[in-house]
């Protein structure tokens, strides 16, 4: 077992018609399908798409951190 860890961050955008929480969960769920060892995230931007004067989509920019395998 290593006494240190090394991480990498990627930036992704999640979206949802329902909520900011759903947008975050959608991004993490999809990220975890192709990236191993996802361990944390930080929200760096929140925005939305407007349709007919109402919120059409919530959009959340995340930095997702994952541990480099073997570290």
Protein backbone atom coordinates (compact mmCIF):
# COMPACT_ATOMS: atom_id res chain seq x y z
CA UNK A 1 0.00 0.00 0.00
CA UNK A 2 1.36 3.37 -1.02
CA UNK A 3 1.77 6.12 1.58
CA UNK A 4 0.77 8.79 -0.95
CA UNK A 5 -1.77 9.35 -3.70
CA UNK A 6 -1.61 11.25 -6.96
CA UNK A 7 -4.75 12.68 -8.51
CA UNK A 8 -5.83 14.13 -11.83
CA UNK A 9 -8.75 16.49 -12.48
CA UNK A 10 -11.02 16.70 -15.50
CA UNK A 11 -13.69 19.27 -16.18
CA UNK A 12 -17.19 18.15 -17.15
CA UNK A 13 -20.60 19.76 -17.52
CA UNK A 14 -23.69 17.98 -16.21
CA UNK A 15 -27.22 19.01 -17.05
CA UNK A 16 -30.74 18.24 -15.91
CA UNK A 17 -34.24 19.54 -16.50
CA UNK A 18 -35.06 18.90 -12.82
CA UNK A 19 -32.41 20.38 -10.52
CA UNK A 20 -28.81 21.33 -9.86
CA UNK A 21 -28.44 18.18 -7.72
CA UNK A 22 -29.57 16.03 -10.64
CA UNK A 23 -27.13 17.82 -12.94
CA UNK A 24 -24.27 17.01 -10.53
CA UNK A 25 -25.36 13.39 -10.17
CA UNK A 26 -25.72 12.98 -13.95
CA UNK A 27 -22.18 14.25 -14.49
CA UNK A 28 -20.67 12.02 -11.80
CA UNK A 29 -22.60 8.94 -12.96
CA UNK A 30 -21.47 9.35 -16.58
CA UNK A 31 -17.88 10.19 -15.58
CA UNK A 32 -17.65 7.09 -13.43
CA UNK A 33 -18.52 4.90 -16.41
CA UNK A 34 -15.27 5.73 -18.19
CA UNK A 35 -12.94 7.02 -15.46
CA UNK A 36 -11.74 4.74 -12.68
CA UNK A 37 -11.17 5.81 -9.07
CA UNK A 38 -13.36 8.93 -9.07
CA UNK A 39 -13.04 10.27 -5.52
CA UNK A 40 -14.25 13.88 -5.38
CA UNK A 41 -15.68 16.83 -7.24
CA UNK A 42 -15.94 20.59 -6.94
CA UNK A 43 -18.60 22.80 -8.48
CA UNK A 44 -16.90 25.64 -10.36
CA UNK A 45 -19.83 27.14 -12.25
CA UNK A 46 -23.59 26.98 -12.19
CA UNK A 47 -25.73 28.19 -15.05
CA UNK A 48 -28.89 27.34 -16.91
CA UNK A 49 -30.63 27.29 -20.23
CA UNK A 50 -33.83 29.31 -20.57
CA UNK A 51 -36.79 28.15 -22.66
CA UNK A 52 -39.92 30.27 -23.01
CA UNK A 53 -39.04 32.37 -19.97
CA UNK A 54 -38.49 29.35 -17.69
CA UNK A 55 -35.56 27.17 -16.70
CA UNK A 56 -35.14 24.56 -19.42
CA UNK A 57 -31.97 22.93 -18.10
CA UNK A 58 -29.73 23.39 -15.09
CA UNK A 59 -26.06 23.20 -16.08
CA UNK A 60 -23.24 22.62 -13.61
CA UNK A 61 -19.52 22.70 -14.43
CA UNK A 62 -17.58 20.29 -12.23
CA UNK A 63 -13.93 19.51 -11.72
CA UNK A 64 -13.85 15.79 -11.02
CA UNK A 65 -10.84 14.34 -9.22
CA UNK A 66 -9.70 10.78 -9.61
CA UNK A 67 -6.80 8.85 -8.15
CA UNK A 68 -4.13 7.69 -10.56
CA UNK A 69 -4.14 3.90 -10.40
CA UNK A 70 -1.20 2.52 -8.45
CA UNK A 71 -0.61 5.69 -6.44
